[in-house]
């Protein structure tokens, strides 16, 4: 996916699919599409969840993850109040 070939709707649809695959392990997930890859942003309860997000993103977007900026915060709950894994 590149900026010129992906629409915002495509990215949003892929983000929803990615969130569904992660089943609450990562919250406030955002994906930024760059030329030749993506950047992941958000929060995870563990490094394992961060890694799962990276592998799932590579499958969903079919491009490399250029940067995984998901922050691990094991003792914090999402602001939404939804329970984690």
PDB file of N, CA and C in Angstrom:
ATOM      1  N   UNK A   1       0.836  -1.176   0.000  1.00  0.00           N
ATOM      2  CA  UNK A   1       0.000   0.000   0.000  1.00  0.00           C
ATOM      3  C   UNK A   1       0.875   1.232   0.000  1.00  0.00           C
ATOM      4  N   UNK A   2       0.540   2.159  -0.801  1.00  0.00           N
ATOM      5  CA  UNK A   2       1.254   3.426  -0.770  1.00  0.00           C
ATOM      6  C   UNK A   2       0.248   4.541  -0.638  1.00  0.00           C
ATOM      7  N   UNK A   3       0.720   5.727  -0.339  1.00  0.00           N
ATOM      8  CA  UNK A   3      -0.168   6.865  -0.174  1.00  0.00           C
ATOM      9  C   UNK A   3      -1.000   7.117  -1.423  1.00  0.00           C
ATOM     10  N   UNK A   4      -0.465   6.809  -2.584  1.00  0.00           N
ATOM     11  CA  UNK A   4      -1.167   7.107  -3.819  1.00  0.00           C
ATOM     12  C   UNK A   4      -2.191   6.051  -4.181  1.00  0.00           C
ATOM     13  N   UNK A   5      -2.053   4.826  -3.678  1.00  0.00           N
ATOM     14  CA  UNK A   5      -2.973   3.770  -4.072  1.00  0.00           C
ATOM     15  C   UNK A   5      -3.967   3.386  -2.988  1.00  0.00           C
ATOM     16  N   UNK A   6      -3.790   3.810  -1.748  1.00  0.00           N
ATOM     17  CA  UNK A   6      -4.732   3.438  -0.701  1.00  0.00           C
ATOM     18  C   UNK A   6      -5.563   4.631  -0.276  1.00  0.00           C
ATOM     19  N   UNK A   7      -6.836   4.380  -0.185  1.00  0.00           N
ATOM     20  CA  UNK A   7      -7.727   5.432   0.279  1.00  0.00           C
ATOM     21  C   UNK A   7      -7.847   5.356   1.789  1.00  0.00           C
ATOM     22  N   UNK A   8      -8.376   6.423   2.374  1.00  0.00           N
ATOM     23  CA  UNK A   8      -8.600   6.429   3.819  1.00  0.00           C
ATOM     24  C   UNK A   8      -9.547   5.309   4.214  1.00  0.00           C
ATOM     25  N   UNK A   9     -10.536   5.043   3.393  1.00  0.00           N
ATOM     26  CA  UNK A   9     -11.507   3.979   3.685  1.00  0.00           C
ATOM     27  C   UNK A   9     -10.824   2.617   3.718  1.00  0.00           C
ATOM     28  N   UNK A  10      -9.885   2.387   2.798  1.00  0.00           N
ATOM     29  CA  UNK A  10      -9.145   1.118   2.778  1.00  0.00           C
ATOM     30  C   UNK A  10      -8.329   0.955   4.053  1.00  0.00           C
ATOM     31  N   UNK A  11      -7.677   2.026   4.477  1.00  0.00           N
ATOM     32  CA  UNK A  11      -6.851   1.979   5.687  1.00  0.00           C
ATOM     33  C   UNK A  11      -7.732   1.746   6.906  1.00  0.00           C
ATOM     34  N   UNK A  12      -8.857   2.462   6.989  1.00  0.00           N
ATOM     35  CA  UNK A  12      -9.769   2.275   8.121  1.00  0.00           C
ATOM     36  C   UNK A  12     -10.303   0.856   8.168  1.00  0.00           C
ATOM     37  N   UNK A  13     -10.648   0.301   7.022  1.00  0.00           N
ATOM     38  CA  UNK A  13     -11.144  -1.074   6.960  1.00  0.00           C
ATOM     39  C   UNK A  13     -10.060  -2.056   7.420  1.00  0.00           C
ATOM     40  N   UNK A  14      -8.828  -1.824   7.012  1.00  0.00           N
ATOM     41  CA  UNK A  14      -7.722  -2.691   7.427  1.00  0.00           C
ATOM     42  C   UNK A  14      -7.454  -2.550   8.920  1.00  0.00           C
ATOM     43  N   UNK A  15      -7.578  -1.323   9.459  1.00  0.00           N
ATOM     44  CA  UNK A  15      -7.402  -1.123  10.904  1.00  0.00           C
ATOM     45  C   UNK A  15      -8.449  -1.899  11.690  1.00  0.00           C
ATOM     46  N   UNK A  16      -9.686  -1.884  11.220  1.00  0.00           N
ATOM     47  CA  UNK A  16     -10.760  -2.629  11.897  1.00  0.00           C
ATOM     48  C   UNK A  16     -10.448  -4.124  11.877  1.00  0.00           C
ATOM     49  N   UNK A  17     -10.025  -4.634  10.742  1.00  0.00           N
ATOM     50  CA  UNK A  17      -9.660  -6.048  10.643  1.00  0.00           C
ATOM     51  C   UNK A  17      -8.514  -6.372  11.600  1.00  0.00           C
ATOM     52  N   UNK A  18      -7.528  -5.490  11.662  1.00  0.00           N
ATOM     53  CA  UNK A  18      -6.388  -5.689  12.556  1.00  0.00           C
ATOM     54  C   UNK A  18      -6.831  -5.685  14.014  1.00  0.00           C
ATOM     55  N   UNK A  19      -7.683  -4.739  14.397  1.00  0.00           N
ATOM     56  CA  UNK A  19      -8.194  -4.697  15.774  1.00  0.00           C
ATOM     57  C   UNK A  19      -8.952  -5.971  16.115  1.00  0.00           C
ATOM     58  N   UNK A  20      -9.748  -6.466  15.170  1.00  0.00           N
ATOM     59  CA  UNK A  20     -10.497  -7.706  15.408  1.00  0.00           C
ATOM     60  C   UNK A  20      -9.558  -8.883  15.624  1.00  0.00           C
ATOM     61  N   UNK A  21      -8.491  -8.938  14.876  1.00  0.00           N
ATOM     62  CA  UNK A  21      -7.523 -10.036  15.031  1.00  0.00           C
ATOM     63  C   UNK A  21      -6.787  -9.956  16.366  1.00  0.00           C
ATOM     64  N   UNK A  22      -6.578  -8.746  16.863  1.00  0.00           N
ATOM     65  CA  UNK A  22      -5.839  -8.569  18.117  1.00  0.00           C
ATOM     66  C   UNK A  22      -6.712  -8.754  19.350  1.00  0.00           C
ATOM     67  N   UNK A  23      -8.020  -8.718  19.196  1.00  0.00           N
ATOM     68  CA  UNK A  23      -8.977  -8.999  20.274  1.00  0.00           C
ATOM     69  C   UNK A  23      -8.673  -8.259  21.575  1.00  0.00           C
ATOM     70  N   UNK A  24      -8.472  -6.955  21.494  1.00  0.00           N
ATOM     71  CA  UNK A  24      -8.303  -6.157  22.695  1.00  0.00           C
ATOM     72  C   UNK A  24      -6.905  -6.146  23.294  1.00  0.00           C
ATOM     73  N   UNK A  25      -5.958  -6.812  22.670  1.00  0.00           N
ATOM     74  CA  UNK A  25      -4.597  -6.827  23.218  1.00  0.00           C
ATOM     75  C   UNK A  25      -3.877  -5.496  23.043  1.00  0.00           C
ATOM     76  N   UNK A  26      -4.338  -4.707  22.058  1.00  0.00           N
ATOM     77  CA  UNK A  26      -3.760  -3.395  21.779  1.00  0.00           C
ATOM     78  C   UNK A  26      -4.910  -2.403  21.729  1.00  0.00           C
ATOM     79  N   UNK A  27      -4.746  -1.242  22.362  1.00  0.00           N
ATOM     80  CA  UNK A  27      -5.812  -0.250  22.308  1.00  0.00           C
ATOM     81  C   UNK A  27      -5.284   1.047  21.709  1.00  0.00           C
ATOM     82  N   UNK A  28      -6.233   1.870  21.246  1.00  0.00           N
ATOM     83  CA  UNK A  28      -5.929   3.118  20.539  1.00  0.00           C
ATOM     84  C   UNK A  28      -4.980   2.868  19.371  1.00  0.00           C
ATOM     85  N   UNK A  29      -5.187   1.765  18.679  1.00  0.00           N
ATOM     86  CA  UNK A  29      -4.332   1.390  17.556  1.00  0.00           C
ATOM     87  C   UNK A  29      -4.548   2.329  16.378  1.00  0.00           C
ATOM     88  N   UNK A  30      -3.459   2.820  15.842  1.00  0.00           N
ATOM     89  CA  UNK A  30      -3.481   3.657  14.646  1.00  0.00           C
ATOM     90  C   UNK A  30      -2.422   3.127  13.689  1.00  0.00           C
ATOM     91  N   UNK A  31      -2.742   3.176  12.410  1.00  0.00           N
ATOM     92  CA  UNK A  31      -1.813   2.732  11.381  1.00  0.00           C
ATOM     93  C   UNK A  31      -1.572   3.901  10.430  1.00  0.00           C
ATOM     94  N   UNK A  32      -0.315   4.212  10.200  1.00  0.00           N
ATOM     95  CA  UNK A  32       0.068   5.251   9.251  1.00  0.00           C
ATOM     96  C   UNK A  32       0.699   4.549   8.057  1.00  0.00           C
ATOM     97  N   UNK A  33       0.146   4.794   6.886  1.00  0.00           N
ATOM     98  CA  UNK A  33       0.648   4.157   5.670  1.00  0.00           C
ATOM     99  C   UNK A  33       1.695   5.054   5.037  1.00  0.00           C
ATOM    100  N   UNK A  34       2.862   4.477   4.806  1.00  0.00           N
ATOM    101  CA  UNK A  34       3.967   5.180   4.158  1.00  0.00           C
ATOM    102  C   UNK A  34       4.322   4.443   2.878  1.00  0.00           C
ATOM    103  N   UNK A  35       5.156   5.042   2.080  1.00  0.00           N
ATOM    104  CA  UNK A  35       5.647   4.374   0.875  1.00  0.00           C
ATOM    105  C   UNK A  35       6.404   3.110   1.289  1.00  0.00           C
ATOM    106  N   UNK A  36       5.912   1.964   0.879  1.00  0.00           N
ATOM    107  CA  UNK A  36       6.599   0.710   1.137  1.00  0.00           C
ATOM    108  C   UNK A  36       6.436   0.140   2.534  1.00  0.00           C
ATOM    109  N   UNK A  37       5.485   0.617   3.321  1.00  0.00           N
ATOM    110  CA  UNK A  37       5.299   0.046   4.649  1.00  0.00           C
ATOM    111  C   UNK A  37       4.320   0.831   5.500  1.00  0.00           C
ATOM    112  N   UNK A  38       4.191   0.395   6.745  1.00  0.00           N
ATOM    113  CA  UNK A  38       3.282   1.045   7.677  1.00  0.00           C
ATOM    114  C   UNK A  38       3.984   1.309   9.011  1.00  0.00           C
ATOM    115  N   UNK A  39       3.421   2.243   9.768  1.00  0.00           N
ATOM    116  CA  UNK A  39       3.871   2.545  11.123  1.00  0.00           C
ATOM    117  C   UNK A  39       2.706   2.227  12.047  1.00  0.00           C
ATOM    118  N   UNK A  40       2.965   1.496  13.124  1.00  0.00           N
ATOM    119  CA  UNK A  40       1.940   1.151  14.103  1.00  0.00           C
ATOM    120  C   UNK A  40       2.089   2.035  15.330  1.00  0.00           C
ATOM    121  N   UNK A  41       0.954   2.518  15.825  1.00  0.00           N
ATOM    122  CA  UNK A  41       0.944   3.328  17.043  1.00  0.00           C
ATOM    123  C   UNK A  41      -0.194   2.860  17.927  1.00  0.00           C
ATOM    124  N   UNK A  42      -0.001   2.938  19.215  1.00  0.00           N
ATOM    125  CA  UNK A  42      -1.031   2.556  20.166  1.00  0.00           C
ATOM    126  C   UNK A  42      -0.397   2.083  21.454  1.00  0.00           C
ATOM    127  N   UNK A  43      -1.155   1.301  22.209  1.00  0.00           N
ATOM    128  CA  UNK A  43      -0.700   0.822  23.514  1.00  0.00           C
ATOM    129  C   UNK A  43      -1.021  -0.655  23.654  1.00  0.00           C
ATOM    130  N   UNK A  44      -0.140  -1.389  24.318  1.00  0.00           N
ATOM    131  CA  UNK A  44      -0.327  -2.816  24.540  1.00  0.00           C
ATOM    132  C   UNK A  44      -0.021  -3.146  25.995  1.00  0.00           C
ATOM    133  N   UNK A  45      -0.611  -4.236  26.475  1.00  0.00           N
ATOM    134  CA  UNK A  45      -0.373  -4.679  27.840  1.00  0.00           C
ATOM    135  C   UNK A  45       0.929  -5.464  27.989  1.00  0.00           C
ATOM    136  N   UNK A  46       1.496  -5.938  26.857  1.00  0.00           N
ATOM    137  CA  UNK A  46       2.716  -6.744  26.938  1.00  0.00           C
ATOM    138  C   UNK A  46       3.516  -6.617  25.643  1.00  0.00           C
ATOM    139  N   UNK A  47       4.785  -7.005  25.723  1.00  0.00           N
ATOM    140  CA  UNK A  47       5.624  -7.019  24.529  1.00  0.00           C
ATOM    141  C   UNK A  47       5.136  -8.094  23.561  1.00  0.00           C
ATOM    142  N   UNK A  48       4.583  -9.155  24.094  1.00  0.00           N
ATOM    143  CA  UNK A  48       4.029 -10.204  23.248  1.00  0.00           C
ATOM    144  C   UNK A  48       2.883  -9.656  22.405  1.00  0.00           C
ATOM    145  N   UNK A  49       2.004  -8.871  23.004  1.00  0.00           N
ATOM    146  CA  UNK A  49       0.890  -8.262  22.270  1.00  0.00           C
ATOM    147  C   UNK A  49       1.406  -7.295  21.207  1.00  0.00           C
ATOM    148  N   UNK A  50       2.452  -6.555  21.530  1.00  0.00           N
ATOM    149  CA  UNK A  50       3.065  -5.641  20.562  1.00  0.00           C
ATOM    150  C   UNK A  50       3.576  -6.419  19.355  1.00  0.00           C
ATOM    151  N   UNK A  51       4.220  -7.540  19.617  1.00  0.00           N
ATOM    152  CA  UNK A  51       4.747  -8.387  18.544  1.00  0.00           C
ATOM    153  C   UNK A  51       3.620  -9.010  17.730  1.00  0.00           C
ATOM    154  N   UNK A  52       2.550  -9.447  18.399  1.00  0.00           N
ATOM    155  CA  UNK A  52       1.396  -9.988  17.688  1.00  0.00           C
ATOM    156  C   UNK A  52       0.807  -8.941  16.743  1.00  0.00           C
ATOM    157  N   UNK A  53       0.750  -7.703  17.200  1.00  0.00           N
ATOM    158  CA  UNK A  53       0.220  -6.620  16.366  1.00  0.00           C
ATOM    159  C   UNK A  53       1.076  -6.433  15.122  1.00  0.00           C
ATOM    160  N   UNK A  54       2.375  -6.502  15.298  1.00  0.00           N
ATOM    161  CA  UNK A  54       3.270  -6.330  14.152  1.00  0.00           C
ATOM    162  C   UNK A  54       3.073  -7.433  13.128  1.00  0.00           C
ATOM    163  N   UNK A  55       3.004  -8.670  13.574  1.00  0.00           N
ATOM    164  CA  UNK A  55       2.828  -9.791  12.644  1.00  0.00           C
ATOM    165  C   UNK A  55       1.454  -9.743  11.980  1.00  0.00           C
ATOM    166  N   UNK A  56       0.432  -9.399  12.735  1.00  0.00           N
ATOM    167  CA  UNK A  56      -0.911  -9.297  12.164  1.00  0.00           C
ATOM    168  C   UNK A  56      -0.964  -8.170  11.128  1.00  0.00           C
ATOM    169  N   UNK A  57      -0.306  -7.047  11.416  1.00  0.00           N
ATOM    170  CA  UNK A  57      -0.300  -5.922  10.475  1.00  0.00           C
ATOM    171  C   UNK A  57       0.389  -6.309   9.168  1.00  0.00           C
ATOM    172  N   UNK A  58       1.458  -7.071   9.245  1.00  0.00           N
ATOM    173  CA  UNK A  58       2.143  -7.498   8.024  1.00  0.00           C
ATOM    174  C   UNK A  58       1.223  -8.355   7.161  1.00  0.00           C
ATOM    175  N   UNK A  59       0.391  -9.180   7.799  1.00  0.00           N
ATOM    176  CA  UNK A  59      -0.553 -10.006   7.042  1.00  0.00           C
ATOM    177  C   UNK A  59      -1.697  -9.169   6.487  1.00  0.00           C
ATOM    178  N   UNK A  60      -2.260  -8.295   7.306  1.00  0.00           N
ATOM    179  CA  UNK A  60      -3.422  -7.503   6.890  1.00  0.00           C
ATOM    180  C   UNK A  60      -3.048  -6.513   5.787  1.00  0.00           C
ATOM    181  N   UNK A  61      -1.931  -5.812   5.952  1.00  0.00           N
ATOM    182  CA  UNK A  61      -1.556  -4.774   4.993  1.00  0.00           C
ATOM    183  C   UNK A  61      -0.683  -5.301   3.854  1.00  0.00           C
ATOM    184  N   UNK A  62      -0.130  -6.482   4.006  1.00  0.00           N
ATOM    185  CA  UNK A  62       0.717  -7.118   2.984  1.00  0.00           C
ATOM    186  C   UNK A  62       1.926  -6.258   2.607  1.00  0.00           C
ATOM    187  N   UNK A  63       2.415  -5.485   3.573  1.00  0.00           N
ATOM    188  CA  UNK A  63       3.636  -4.693   3.409  1.00  0.00           C
ATOM    189  C   UNK A  63       4.403  -4.755   4.726  1.00  0.00           C
ATOM    190  N   UNK A  64       5.679  -4.405   4.714  1.00  0.00           N
ATOM    191  CA  UNK A  64       6.449  -4.440   5.963  1.00  0.00           C
ATOM    192  C   UNK A  64       5.992  -3.379   6.967  1.00  0.00           C
ATOM    193  N   UNK A  65       6.200  -3.686   8.233  1.00  0.00           N
ATOM    194  CA  UNK A  65       6.006  -2.689   9.282  1.00  0.00           C
ATOM    195  C   UNK A  65       7.334  -1.953   9.391  1.00  0.00           C
ATOM    196  N   UNK A  66       7.335  -0.691   8.992  1.00  0.00           N
ATOM    197  CA  UNK A  66       8.562   0.105   9.008  1.00  0.00           C
ATOM    198  C   UNK A  66       8.949   0.527  10.422  1.00  0.00           C
ATOM    199  N   UNK A  67       7.925   0.759  11.263  1.00  0.00           N
ATOM    200  CA  UNK A  67       8.194   1.185  12.628  1.00  0.00           C
ATOM    201  C   UNK A  67       7.034   0.746  13.511  1.00  0.00           C
ATOM    202  N   UNK A  68       7.357   0.101  14.630  1.00  0.00           N
ATOM    203  CA  UNK A  68       6.340  -0.317  15.592  1.00  0.00           C
ATOM    204  C   UNK A  68       6.466   0.592  16.810  1.00  0.00           C
ATOM    205  N   UNK A  69       5.610   1.607  16.868  1.00  0.00           N
ATOM    206  CA  UNK A  69       5.641   2.575  17.959  1.00  0.00           C
ATOM    207  C   UNK A  69       4.600   2.259  19.033  1.00  0.00           C
ATOM    208  N   UNK A  70       4.132   1.021  19.069  1.00  0.00           N
ATOM    209  CA  UNK A  70       3.180   0.629  20.103  1.00  0.00           C
ATOM    210  C   UNK A  70       3.919   0.627  21.434  1.00  0.00           C
ATOM    211  N   UNK A  71       3.374   1.363  22.398  1.00  0.00           N
ATOM    212  CA  UNK A  71       3.989   1.465  23.720  1.00  0.00           C
ATOM    213  C   UNK A  71       3.420   0.384  24.638  1.00  0.00           C
ATOM    214  N   UNK A  72       4.302  -0.292  25.359  1.00  0.00           N
ATOM    215  CA  UNK A  72       3.878  -1.322  26.298  1.00  0.00           C
ATOM    216  C   UNK A  72       3.602  -0.661  27.647  1.00  0.00           C
ATOM    217  N   UNK A  73       2.383  -0.839  28.123  1.00  0.00           N
ATOM    218  CA  UNK A  73       1.946  -0.270  29.408  1.00  0.00           C
ATOM    219  C   UNK A  73       1.186  -1.353  30.164  1.00  0.00           C
ATOM    220  N   UNK A  74       1.906  -2.246  30.820  1.00  0.00           N
ATOM    221  CA  UNK A  74       1.277  -3.414  31.435  1.00  0.00           C
ATOM    222  C   UNK A  74       0.326  -3.113  32.585  1.00  0.00           C
ATOM    223  N   UNK A  75       0.468  -1.983  33.248  1.00  0.00           N
ATOM    224  CA  UNK A  75      -0.353  -1.728  34.424  1.00  0.00           C
ATOM    225  C   UNK A  75      -1.440  -0.686  34.179  1.00  0.00           C
ATOM    226  N   UNK A  76      -1.624  -0.266  32.950  1.00  0.00           N
ATOM    227  CA  UNK A  76      -2.620   0.755  32.650  1.00  0.00           C
ATOM    228  C   UNK A  76      -3.801   0.153  31.904  1.00  0.00           C
ATOM    229  N   UNK A  77      -4.969   0.697  32.165  1.00  0.00           N
ATOM    230  CA  UNK A  77      -6.170   0.296  31.454  1.00  0.00           C
ATOM    231  C   UNK A  77      -6.482   1.330  30.396  1.00  0.00           C
ATOM    232  N   UNK A  78      -7.077   0.917  29.302  1.00  0.00           N
ATOM    233  CA  UNK A  78      -7.464   1.877  28.281  1.00  0.00           C
ATOM    234  C   UNK A  78      -8.456   2.884  28.863  1.00  0.00           C
ATOM    235  N   UNK A  79      -8.430   4.111  28.339  1.00  0.00           N
ATOM    236  CA  UNK A  79      -9.332   5.145  28.799  1.00  0.00           C
ATOM    237  C   UNK A  79     -10.784   4.763  28.565  1.00  0.00           C
ATOM    238  N   UNK A  80     -11.034   3.907  27.588  1.00  0.00           N
ATOM    239  CA  UNK A  80     -12.400   3.495  27.286  1.00  0.00           C
ATOM    240  C   UNK A  80     -12.995   2.655  28.412  1.00  0.00           C
ATOM    241  N   UNK A  81     -12.133   2.153  29.300  1.00  0.00           N
ATOM    242  CA  UNK A  81     -12.608   1.323  30.402  1.00  0.00           C
ATOM    243  C   UNK A  81     -12.837  -0.116  30.031  1.00  0.00           C
ATOM    244  N   UNK A  82     -12.552  -0.459  28.761  1.00  0.00           N
ATOM    245  CA  UNK A  82     -12.725  -1.850  28.335  1.00  0.00           C
ATOM    246  C   UNK A  82     -11.617  -2.709  28.932  1.00  0.00           C
ATOM    247  N   UNK A  83     -11.972  -3.874  29.413  1.00  0.00           N
ATOM    248  CA  UNK A  83     -10.929  -4.761  29.963  1.00  0.00           C
ATOM    249  C   UNK A  83      -9.999  -5.248  28.884  1.00  0.00           C
ATOM    250  N   UNK A  84      -8.794  -5.546  29.257  1.00  0.00           N
ATOM    251  CA  UNK A  84      -7.800  -6.061  28.330  1.00  0.00           C
ATOM    252  C   UNK A  84      -7.958  -7.548  28.143  1.00  0.00           C
ATOM    253  N   UNK A  85      -6.886  -8.205  27.713  1.00  0.00           N
ATOM    254  CA  UNK A  85      -6.938  -9.643  27.417  1.00  0.00           C
ATOM    255  C   UNK A  85      -7.253 -10.480  28.625  1.00  0.00           C
TER     256      UNK A  85
END
